[in-house]
Amino acid sequence: MTANAVEIAPSTADFKSLEEKILRTVELLKSAREAKAVAERDASRLRTQLNEREEELDTVRQELVALRREREEVRTRVEKMLGQIESLALEESAG
């Protein structure tokens, strides 16, 4: 070694501090991975629920269209019957 070279010897405290930081980092990484796994499971479950709700919504929309069509048919038939009743009433009052 040269006379100007300074030997830097890390202290035990420095190693201990580094070890603690590494352990904290490992724990944070574990926690983050667990949180990610939970979030992915939740996202998957929510996607499944969303798909189910979309299917239900499509079914309800189809039923609504069918019910509206049926209502219009019933309205038309009722109007026709009322027209016939009115015609009979007019014939009766005229005759």
PDB file of N, CA and C in Angstrom:
ATOM      1  N   MET A   1       0.821  -1.174   0.000  1.00  0.00           N
ATOM      2  CA  MET A   1       0.000   0.000   0.000  1.00  0.00           C
ATOM      3  C   MET A   1       0.865   1.237   0.000  1.00  0.00           C
ATOM      4  N   THR A   2       0.338   2.257  -0.607  1.00  0.00           N
ATOM      5  CA  THR A   2       1.091   3.516  -0.618  1.00  0.00           C
ATOM      6  C   THR A   2       0.815   4.261   0.665  1.00  0.00           C
ATOM      7  N   ALA A   3       1.627   5.229   0.916  1.00  0.00           N
ATOM      8  CA  ALA A   3       1.497   5.997   2.141  1.00  0.00           C
ATOM      9  C   ALA A   3       0.249   6.854   2.133  1.00  0.00           C
ATOM     10  N   ASN A   4      -0.192   7.250   0.948  1.00  0.00           N
ATOM     11  CA  ASN A   4      -1.367   8.112   0.842  1.00  0.00           C
ATOM     12  C   ASN A   4      -2.677   7.320   0.887  1.00  0.00           C
ATOM     13  N   ALA A   5      -2.637   6.044   0.680  1.00  0.00           N
ATOM     14  CA  ALA A   5      -3.851   5.232   0.649  1.00  0.00           C
ATOM     15  C   ALA A   5      -4.452   5.134   2.030  1.00  0.00           C
ATOM     16  N   VAL A   6      -5.729   5.335   2.082  1.00  0.00           N
ATOM     17  CA  VAL A   6      -6.441   5.244   3.356  1.00  0.00           C
ATOM     18  C   VAL A   6      -7.330   4.016   3.270  1.00  0.00           C
ATOM     19  N   GLU A   7      -7.200   3.166   4.213  1.00  0.00           N
ATOM     20  CA  GLU A   7      -8.006   1.955   4.229  1.00  0.00           C
ATOM     21  C   GLU A   7      -9.317   2.272   4.920  1.00  0.00           C
ATOM     22  N   ILE A   8     -10.403   1.984   4.232  1.00  0.00           N
ATOM     23  CA  ILE A   8     -11.728   2.235   4.803  1.00  0.00           C
ATOM     24  C   ILE A   8     -12.279   0.885   5.216  1.00  0.00           C
ATOM     25  N   ALA A   9     -12.451   0.721   6.484  1.00  0.00           N
ATOM     26  CA  ALA A   9     -12.997  -0.516   7.019  1.00  0.00           C
ATOM     27  C   ALA A   9     -14.414  -0.240   7.483  1.00  0.00           C
ATOM     28  N   PRO A  10     -15.394  -0.880   6.823  1.00  0.00           N
ATOM     29  CA  PRO A  10     -16.772  -0.671   7.274  1.00  0.00           C
ATOM     30  C   PRO A  10     -16.921  -1.183   8.700  1.00  0.00           C
ATOM     31  N   SER A  11     -17.683  -0.451   9.431  1.00  0.00           N
ATOM     32  CA  SER A  11     -17.895  -0.840  10.826  1.00  0.00           C
ATOM     33  C   SER A  11     -19.014  -1.861  10.917  1.00  0.00           C
ATOM     34  N   THR A  12     -19.091  -2.524  12.021  1.00  0.00           N
ATOM     35  CA  THR A  12     -20.146  -3.498  12.271  1.00  0.00           C
ATOM     36  C   THR A  12     -21.502  -2.802  12.265  1.00  0.00           C
ATOM     37  N   ALA A  13     -21.541  -1.570  12.739  1.00  0.00           N
ATOM     38  CA  ALA A  13     -22.788  -0.801  12.762  1.00  0.00           C
ATOM     39  C   ALA A  13     -23.277  -0.534  11.339  1.00  0.00           C
ATOM     40  N   ASP A  14     -22.326  -0.254  10.421  1.00  0.00           N
ATOM     41  CA  ASP A  14     -22.709  -0.017   9.027  1.00  0.00           C
ATOM     42  C   ASP A  14     -23.332  -1.275   8.416  1.00  0.00           C
ATOM     43  N   PHE A  15     -22.714  -2.431   8.685  1.00  0.00           N
ATOM     44  CA  PHE A  15     -23.256  -3.690   8.177  1.00  0.00           C
ATOM     45  C   PHE A  15     -24.623  -3.980   8.774  1.00  0.00           C
ATOM     46  N   LYS A  16     -24.749  -3.711  10.054  1.00  0.00           N
ATOM     47  CA  LYS A  16     -26.028  -3.951  10.739  1.00  0.00           C
ATOM     48  C   LYS A  16     -27.117  -3.066  10.129  1.00  0.00           C
ATOM     49  N   SER A  17     -26.787  -1.810   9.885  1.00  0.00           N
ATOM     50  CA  SER A  17     -27.739  -0.876   9.298  1.00  0.00           C
ATOM     51  C   SER A  17     -28.128  -1.330   7.893  1.00  0.00           C
ATOM     52  N   LEU A  18     -27.150  -1.734   7.109  1.00  0.00           N
ATOM     53  CA  LEU A  18     -27.418  -2.222   5.760  1.00  0.00           C
ATOM     54  C   LEU A  18     -28.287  -3.476   5.797  1.00  0.00           C
ATOM     55  N   GLU A  19     -27.981  -4.373   6.712  1.00  0.00           N
ATOM     56  CA  GLU A  19     -28.756  -5.603   6.857  1.00  0.00           C
ATOM     57  C   GLU A  19     -30.217  -5.281   7.189  1.00  0.00           C
ATOM     58  N   GLU A  20     -30.442  -4.339   8.088  1.00  0.00           N
ATOM     59  CA  GLU A  20     -31.803  -3.949   8.462  1.00  0.00           C
ATOM     60  C   GLU A  20     -32.550  -3.340   7.278  1.00  0.00           C
ATOM     61  N   LYS A  21     -31.851  -2.522   6.506  1.00  0.00           N
ATOM     62  CA  LYS A  21     -32.483  -1.912   5.331  1.00  0.00           C
ATOM     63  C   LYS A  21     -32.869  -2.975   4.310  1.00  0.00           C
ATOM     64  N   ILE A  22     -31.987  -3.945   4.123  1.00  0.00           N
ATOM     65  CA  ILE A  22     -32.277  -5.027   3.178  1.00  0.00           C
ATOM     66  C   ILE A  22     -33.462  -5.845   3.663  1.00  0.00           C
ATOM     67  N   LEU A  23     -33.503  -6.165   4.950  1.00  0.00           N
ATOM     68  CA  LEU A  23     -34.619  -6.936   5.502  1.00  0.00           C
ATOM     69  C   LEU A  23     -35.935  -6.178   5.365  1.00  0.00           C
ATOM     70  N   ARG A  24     -35.919  -4.871   5.612  1.00  0.00           N
ATOM     71  CA  ARG A  24     -37.129  -4.053   5.448  1.00  0.00           C
ATOM     72  C   ARG A  24     -37.575  -4.040   3.988  1.00  0.00           C
ATOM     73  N   THR A  25     -36.591  -3.947   3.106  1.00  0.00           N
ATOM     74  CA  THR A  25     -36.907  -3.953   1.682  1.00  0.00           C
ATOM     75  C   THR A  25     -37.529  -5.277   1.270  1.00  0.00           C
ATOM     76  N   VAL A  26     -36.986  -6.374   1.764  1.00  0.00           N
ATOM     77  CA  VAL A  26     -37.533  -7.698   1.463  1.00  0.00           C
ATOM     78  C   VAL A  26     -38.965  -7.804   1.983  1.00  0.00           C
ATOM     79  N   GLU A  27     -39.212  -7.333   3.196  1.00  0.00           N
ATOM     80  CA  GLU A  27     -40.563  -7.368   3.762  1.00  0.00           C
ATOM     81  C   GLU A  27     -41.522  -6.503   2.955  1.00  0.00           C
ATOM     82  N   LEU A  28     -41.055  -5.335   2.531  1.00  0.00           N
ATOM     83  CA  LEU A  28     -41.901  -4.471   1.702  1.00  0.00           C
ATOM     84  C   LEU A  28     -42.230  -5.151   0.371  1.00  0.00           C
ATOM     85  N   LEU A  29     -41.235  -5.820  -0.194  1.00  0.00           N
ATOM     86  CA  LEU A  29     -41.456  -6.533  -1.447  1.00  0.00           C
ATOM     87  C   LEU A  29     -42.469  -7.659  -1.261  1.00  0.00           C
ATOM     88  N   LYS A  30     -42.347  -8.402  -0.164  1.00  0.00           N
ATOM     89  CA  LYS A  30     -43.310  -9.471   0.118  1.00  0.00           C
ATOM     90  C   LYS A  30     -44.712  -8.899   0.258  1.00  0.00           C
ATOM     91  N   SER A  31     -44.812  -7.813   1.003  1.00  0.00           N
ATOM     92  CA  SER A  31     -46.126  -7.180   1.204  1.00  0.00           C
ATOM     93  C   SER A  31     -46.701  -6.700  -0.118  1.00  0.00           C
ATOM     94  N   ALA A  32     -45.856  -6.108  -0.934  1.00  0.00           N
ATOM     95  CA  ALA A  32     -46.317  -5.603  -2.233  1.00  0.00           C
ATOM     96  C   ALA A  32     -46.788  -6.752  -3.112  1.00  0.00           C
ATOM     97  N   ARG A  33     -46.067  -7.864  -3.105  1.00  0.00           N
ATOM     98  CA  ARG A  33     -46.475  -9.018  -3.912  1.00  0.00           C
ATOM     99  C   ARG A  33     -47.797  -9.593  -3.421  1.00  0.00           C
ATOM    100  N   GLU A  34     -47.970  -9.662  -2.104  1.00  0.00           N
ATOM    101  CA  GLU A  34     -49.232 -10.159  -1.555  1.00  0.00           C
ATOM    102  C   GLU A  34     -50.376  -9.229  -1.923  1.00  0.00           C
ATOM    103  N   ALA A  35     -50.137  -7.931  -1.816  1.00  0.00           N
ATOM    104  CA  ALA A  35     -51.171  -6.952  -2.171  1.00  0.00           C
ATOM    105  C   ALA A  35     -51.518  -7.060  -3.655  1.00  0.00           C
ATOM    106  N   LYS A  36     -50.508  -7.269  -4.478  1.00  0.00           N
ATOM    107  CA  LYS A  36     -50.741  -7.418  -5.918  1.00  0.00           C
ATOM    108  C   LYS A  36     -51.582  -8.663  -6.193  1.00  0.00           C
ATOM    109  N   ALA A  37     -51.261  -9.768  -5.517  1.00  0.00           N
ATOM    110  CA  ALA A  37     -52.019 -11.005  -5.710  1.00  0.00           C
ATOM    111  C   ALA A  37     -53.480 -10.810  -5.298  1.00  0.00           C
ATOM    112  N   VAL A  38     -53.693 -10.140  -4.171  1.00  0.00           N
ATOM    113  CA  VAL A  38     -55.056  -9.875  -3.707  1.00  0.00           C
ATOM    114  C   VAL A  38     -55.782  -8.985  -4.713  1.00  0.00           C
ATOM    115  N   ALA A  39     -55.098  -7.960  -5.192  1.00  0.00           N
ATOM    116  CA  ALA A  39     -55.708  -7.044  -6.157  1.00  0.00           C
ATOM    117  C   ALA A  39     -56.058  -7.773  -7.454  1.00  0.00           C
ATOM    118  N   GLU A  40     -55.181  -8.665  -7.894  1.00  0.00           N
ATOM    119  CA  GLU A  40     -55.466  -9.425  -9.114  1.00  0.00           C
ATOM    120  C   GLU A  40     -56.659 -10.358  -8.921  1.00  0.00           C
ATOM    121  N   ARG A  41     -56.758 -10.994  -7.745  1.00  0.00           N
ATOM    122  CA  ARG A  41     -57.914 -11.858  -7.474  1.00  0.00           C
ATOM    123  C   ARG A  41     -59.193 -11.032  -7.453  1.00  0.00           C
ATOM    124  N   ASP A  42     -59.126  -9.874  -6.789  1.00  0.00           N
ATOM    125  CA  ASP A  42     -60.298  -9.002  -6.736  1.00  0.00           C
ATOM    126  C   ASP A  42     -60.698  -8.529  -8.130  1.00  0.00           C
ATOM    127  N   ALA A  43     -59.717  -8.148  -8.920  1.00  0.00           N
ATOM    128  CA  ALA A  43     -60.001  -7.680 -10.281  1.00  0.00           C
ATOM    129  C   ALA A  43     -60.640  -8.792 -11.104  1.00  0.00           C
ATOM    130  N   SER A  44     -60.136 -10.000 -10.958  1.00  0.00           N
ATOM    131  CA  SER A  44     -60.701 -11.137 -11.687  1.00  0.00           C
ATOM    132  C   SER A  44     -62.140 -11.391 -11.259  1.00  0.00           C
ATOM    133  N   ARG A  45     -62.374 -11.360  -9.947  1.00  0.00           N
ATOM    134  CA  ARG A  45     -63.728 -11.576  -9.418  1.00  0.00           C
ATOM    135  C   ARG A  45     -64.664 -10.481  -9.926  1.00  0.00           C
ATOM    136  N   LEU A  46     -64.184  -9.240  -9.917  1.00  0.00           N
ATOM    137  CA  LEU A  46     -65.017  -8.126 -10.367  1.00  0.00           C
ATOM    138  C   LEU A  46     -65.293  -8.199 -11.865  1.00  0.00           C
ATOM    139  N   ARG A  47     -64.299  -8.660 -12.657  1.00  0.00           N
ATOM    140  CA  ARG A  47     -64.532  -8.844 -14.086  1.00  0.00           C
ATOM    141  C   ARG A  47     -65.630  -9.882 -14.320  1.00  0.00           C
ATOM    142  N   THR A  48     -65.555 -10.969 -13.551  1.00  0.00           N
ATOM    143  CA  THR A  48     -66.566 -12.025 -13.680  1.00  0.00           C
ATOM    144  C   THR A  48     -67.946 -11.478 -13.327  1.00  0.00           C
ATOM    145  N   GLN A  49     -68.016 -10.733 -12.220  1.00  0.00           N
ATOM    146  CA  GLN A  49     -69.299 -10.150 -11.814  1.00  0.00           C
ATOM    147  C   GLN A  49     -69.816  -9.164 -12.865  1.00  0.00           C
ATOM    148  N   LEU A  50     -68.907  -8.378 -13.426  1.00  0.00           N
ATOM    149  CA  LEU A  50     -69.308  -7.414 -14.449  1.00  0.00           C
ATOM    150  C   LEU A  50     -69.870  -8.132 -15.672  1.00  0.00           C
ATOM    151  N   ASN A  51     -69.213  -9.200 -16.083  1.00  0.00           N
ATOM    152  CA  ASN A  51     -69.721  -9.972 -17.224  1.00  0.00           C
ATOM    153  C   ASN A  51     -71.098 -10.545 -16.930  1.00  0.00           C
ATOM    154  N   GLU A  52     -71.289 -11.047 -15.709  1.00  0.00           N
ATOM    155  CA  GLU A  52     -72.595 -11.581 -15.330  1.00  0.00           C
ATOM    156  C   GLU A  52     -73.653 -10.492 -15.370  1.00  0.00           C
ATOM    157  N   ARG A  53     -73.315  -9.319 -14.849  1.00  0.00           N
ATOM    158  CA  ARG A  53     -74.274  -8.207 -14.828  1.00  0.00           C
ATOM    159  C   ARG A  53     -74.597  -7.743 -16.244  1.00  0.00           C
ATOM    160  N   GLU A  54     -73.592  -7.751 -17.117  1.00  0.00           N
ATOM    161  CA  GLU A  54     -73.844  -7.356 -18.502  1.00  0.00           C
ATOM    162  C   GLU A  54     -74.786  -8.345 -19.176  1.00  0.00           C
ATOM    163  N   GLU A  55     -74.607  -9.625 -18.896  1.00  0.00           N
ATOM    164  CA  GLU A  55     -75.514 -10.638 -19.449  1.00  0.00           C
ATOM    165  C   GLU A  55     -76.926 -10.433 -18.906  1.00  0.00           C
ATOM    166  N   GLU A  56     -77.037 -10.161 -17.600  1.00  0.00           N
ATOM    167  CA  GLU A  56     -78.346  -9.909 -17.003  1.00  0.00           C
ATOM    168  C   GLU A  56     -78.984  -8.669 -17.627  1.00  0.00           C
ATOM    169  N   LEU A  57     -78.182  -7.642 -17.840  1.00  0.00           N
ATOM    170  CA  LEU A  57     -78.690  -6.413 -18.435  1.00  0.00           C
ATOM    171  C   LEU A  57     -79.204  -6.671 -19.845  1.00  0.00           C
ATOM    172  N   ASP A  58     -78.471  -7.449 -20.623  1.00  0.00           N
ATOM    173  CA  ASP A  58     -78.930  -7.791 -21.969  1.00  0.00           C
ATOM    174  C   ASP A  58     -80.264  -8.527 -21.913  1.00  0.00           C
ATOM    175  N   THR A  59     -80.396  -9.462 -20.984  1.00  0.00           N
ATOM    176  CA  THR A  59     -81.640 -10.216 -20.832  1.00  0.00           C
ATOM    177  C   THR A  59     -82.789  -9.283 -20.459  1.00  0.00           C
ATOM    178  N   VAL A  60     -82.540  -8.386 -19.516  1.00  0.00           N
ATOM    179  CA  VAL A  60     -83.578  -7.444 -19.078  1.00  0.00           C
ATOM    180  C   VAL A  60     -83.973  -6.522 -20.233  1.00  0.00           C
ATOM    181  N   ARG A  61     -82.990  -6.089 -21.009  1.00  0.00           N
ATOM    182  CA  ARG A  61     -83.315  -5.228 -22.161  1.00  0.00           C
ATOM    183  C   ARG A  61     -84.199  -5.967 -23.159  1.00  0.00           C
ATOM    184  N   GLN A  62     -83.870  -7.228 -23.424  1.00  0.00           N
ATOM    185  CA  GLN A  62     -84.679  -8.022 -24.351  1.00  0.00           C
ATOM    186  C   GLN A  62     -86.094  -8.192 -23.813  1.00  0.00           C
ATOM    187  N   GLU A  63     -86.212  -8.444 -22.514  1.00  0.00           N
ATOM    188  CA  GLU A  63     -87.541  -8.581 -21.901  1.00  0.00           C
ATOM    189  C   GLU A  63     -88.308  -7.276 -21.990  1.00  0.00           C
ATOM    190  N   LEU A  64     -87.616  -6.163 -21.778  1.00  0.00           N
ATOM    191  CA  LEU A  64     -88.267  -4.855 -21.847  1.00  0.00           C
ATOM    192  C   LEU A  64     -88.805  -4.595 -23.251  1.00  0.00           C
ATOM    193  N   VAL A  65     -88.004  -4.904 -24.251  1.00  0.00           N
ATOM    194  CA  VAL A  65     -88.453  -4.727 -25.631  1.00  0.00           C
ATOM    195  C   VAL A  65     -89.682  -5.600 -25.893  1.00  0.00           C
ATOM    196  N   ALA A  66     -89.641  -6.847 -25.451  1.00  0.00           N
ATOM    197  CA  ALA A  66     -90.771  -7.760 -25.652  1.00  0.00           C
ATOM    198  C   ALA A  66     -92.014  -7.245 -24.927  1.00  0.00           C
ATOM    199  N   LEU A  67     -91.843  -6.752 -23.702  1.00  0.00           N
ATOM    200  CA  LEU A  67     -92.993  -6.237 -22.949  1.00  0.00           C
ATOM    201  C   LEU A  67     -93.575  -4.991 -23.595  1.00  0.00           C
ATOM    202  N   ARG A  68     -92.733  -4.120 -24.113  1.00  0.00           N
ATOM    203  CA  ARG A  68     -93.230  -2.921 -24.795  1.00  0.00           C
ATOM    204  C   ARG A  68     -94.009  -3.302 -26.052  1.00  0.00           C
ATOM    205  N   ARG A  69     -93.473  -4.287 -26.776  1.00  0.00           N
ATOM    206  CA  ARG A  69     -94.162  -4.753 -27.985  1.00  0.00           C
ATOM    207  C   ARG A  69     -95.526  -5.338 -27.601  1.00  0.00           C
ATOM    208  N   GLU A  70     -95.537  -6.148 -26.546  1.00  0.00           N
ATOM    209  CA  GLU A  70     -96.784  -6.758 -26.093  1.00  0.00           C
ATOM    210  C   GLU A  70     -97.778  -5.691 -25.636  1.00  0.00           C
ATOM    211  N   ARG A  71     -97.286  -4.679 -24.937  1.00  0.00           N
ATOM    212  CA  ARG A  71     -98.167  -3.602 -24.480  1.00  0.00           C
ATOM    213  C   ARG A  71     -98.806  -2.891 -25.663  1.00  0.00           C
ATOM    214  N   GLU A  72     -98.011  -2.652 -26.707  1.00  0.00           N
ATOM    215  CA  GLU A  72     -98.559  -1.992 -27.894  1.00  0.00           C
ATOM    216  C   GLU A  72     -99.613  -2.873 -28.568  1.00  0.00           C
ATOM    217  N   GLU A  73     -99.365  -4.166 -28.607  1.00  0.00           N
ATOM    218  CA  GLU A  73    -100.356  -5.087 -29.196  1.00  0.00           C
ATOM    219  C   GLU A  73    -101.650  -5.067 -28.394  1.00  0.00           C
ATOM    220  N   VAL A  74    -101.528  -5.090 -27.071  1.00  0.00           N
ATOM    221  CA  VAL A  74    -102.716  -5.069 -26.205  1.00  0.00           C
ATOM    222  C   VAL A  74    -103.448  -3.740 -26.381  1.00  0.00           C
ATOM    223  N   ARG A  75    -102.689  -2.650 -26.437  1.00  0.00           N
ATOM    224  CA  ARG A  75    -103.318  -1.336 -26.619  1.00  0.00           C
ATOM    225  C   ARG A  75    -104.099  -1.294 -27.933  1.00  0.00           C
ATOM    226  N   THR A  76    -103.498  -1.820 -28.972  1.00  0.00           N
ATOM    227  CA  THR A  76    -104.171  -1.843 -30.281  1.00  0.00           C
ATOM    228  C   THR A  76    -105.453  -2.667 -30.217  1.00  0.00           C
ATOM    229  N   ARG A  77    -105.378  -3.832 -29.572  1.00  0.00           N
ATOM    230  CA  ARG A  77    -106.567  -4.693 -29.470  1.00  0.00           C
ATOM    231  C   ARG A  77    -107.662  -4.024 -28.644  1.00  0.00           C
ATOM    232  N   VAL A  78    -107.268  -3.376 -27.528  1.00  0.00           N
ATOM    233  CA  VAL A  78    -108.251  -2.696 -26.681  1.00  0.00           C
ATOM    234  C   VAL A  78    -108.897  -1.548 -27.452  1.00  0.00           C
ATOM    235  N   GLU A  79    -108.098  -0.784 -28.184  1.00  0.00           N
ATOM    236  CA  GLU A  79    -108.653   0.319 -28.968  1.00  0.00           C
ATOM    237  C   GLU A  79    -109.627  -0.208 -30.024  1.00  0.00           C
ATOM    238  N   LYS A  80    -109.275  -1.336 -30.631  1.00  0.00           N
ATOM    239  CA  LYS A  80    -110.154  -1.944 -31.633  1.00  0.00           C
ATOM    240  C   LYS A  80    -111.475  -2.369 -30.995  1.00  0.00           C
ATOM    241  N   MET A  81    -111.390  -3.013 -29.791  1.00  0.00           N
ATOM    242  CA  MET A  81    -112.615  -3.443 -29.093  1.00  0.00           C
ATOM    243  C   MET A  81    -113.447  -2.241 -28.679  1.00  0.00           C
ATOM    244  N   LEU A  82    -112.798  -1.195 -28.204  1.00  0.00           N
ATOM    245  CA  LEU A  82    -113.543   0.011 -27.825  1.00  0.00           C
ATOM    246  C   LEU A  82    -114.235   0.625 -29.043  1.00  0.00           C
ATOM    247  N   GLY A  83    -113.558   0.583 -30.181  1.00  0.00           N
ATOM    248  CA  GLY A  83    -114.175   1.082 -31.417  1.00  0.00           C
ATOM    249  C   GLY A  83    -115.392   0.265 -31.790  1.00  0.00           C
ATOM    250  N   GLN A  84    -115.295  -1.050 -31.631  1.00  0.00           N
ATOM    251  CA  GLN A  84    -116.440  -1.914 -31.939  1.00  0.00           C
ATOM    252  C   GLN A  84    -117.590  -1.641 -30.981  1.00  0.00           C
ATOM    253  N   ILE A  85    -117.275  -1.471 -29.698  1.00  0.00           N
ATOM    254  CA  ILE A  85    -118.321  -1.175 -28.705  1.00  0.00           C
ATOM    255  C   ILE A  85    -118.986   0.158 -29.034  1.00  0.00           C
ATOM    256  N   GLU A  86    -118.181   1.126 -29.411  1.00  0.00           N
ATOM    257  CA  GLU A  86    -118.721   2.443 -29.754  1.00  0.00           C
ATOM    258  C   GLU A  86    -119.624   2.343 -30.987  1.00  0.00           C
ATOM    259  N   SER A  87    -119.219   1.545 -31.958  1.00  0.00           N
ATOM    260  CA  SER A  87    -120.049   1.354 -33.164  1.00  0.00           C
ATOM    261  C   SER A  87    -121.378   0.720 -32.796  1.00  0.00           C
ATOM    262  N   LEU A  88    -121.345  -0.298 -31.941  1.00  0.00           N
ATOM    263  CA  LEU A  88    -122.585  -0.948 -31.505  1.00  0.00           C
ATOM    264  C   LEU A  88    -123.477   0.025 -30.749  1.00  0.00           C
ATOM    265  N   ALA A  89    -122.853   0.845 -29.906  1.00  0.00           N
ATOM    266  CA  ALA A  89    -123.646   1.818 -29.152  1.00  0.00           C
ATOM    267  C   ALA A  89    -124.291   2.839 -30.072  1.00  0.00           C
ATOM    268  N   LEU A  90    -123.559   3.253 -31.095  1.00  0.00           N
ATOM    269  CA  LEU A  90    -124.122   4.218 -32.060  1.00  0.00           C
ATOM    270  C   LEU A  90    -125.253   3.588 -32.860  1.00  0.00           C
ATOM    271  N   GLU A  91    -125.106   2.331 -33.262  1.00  0.00           N
ATOM    272  CA  GLU A  91    -126.166   1.627 -34.014  1.00  0.00           C
ATOM    273  C   GLU A  91    -127.424   1.486 -33.165  1.00  0.00           C
ATOM    274  N   GLU A  92    -127.179   1.182 -31.904  1.00  0.00           N
ATOM    275  CA  GLU A  92    -128.323   0.990 -30.996  1.00  0.00           C
ATOM    276  C   GLU A  92    -129.059   2.306 -30.788  1.00  0.00           C
ATOM    277  N   SER A  93    -128.325   3.373 -30.630  1.00  0.00           N
ATOM    278  CA  SER A  93    -128.980   4.651 -30.387  1.00  0.00           C
ATOM    279  C   SER A  93    -129.629   5.189 -31.675  1.00  0.00           C
ATOM    280  N   ALA A  94    -129.122   4.807 -32.830  1.00  0.00           N
ATOM    281  CA  ALA A  94    -129.701   5.258 -34.105  1.00  0.00           C
ATOM    282  C   ALA A  94    -130.923   4.420 -34.485  1.00  0.00           C
ATOM    283  N   GLY A  95    -130.930   3.212 -34.020  1.00  0.00           N
ATOM    284  CA  GLY A  95    -131.988   2.325 -34.460  1.00  0.00           C
ATOM    285  C   GLY A  95    -133.043   2.112 -33.509  1.00  0.00           C
TER     286      GLY A  95
END
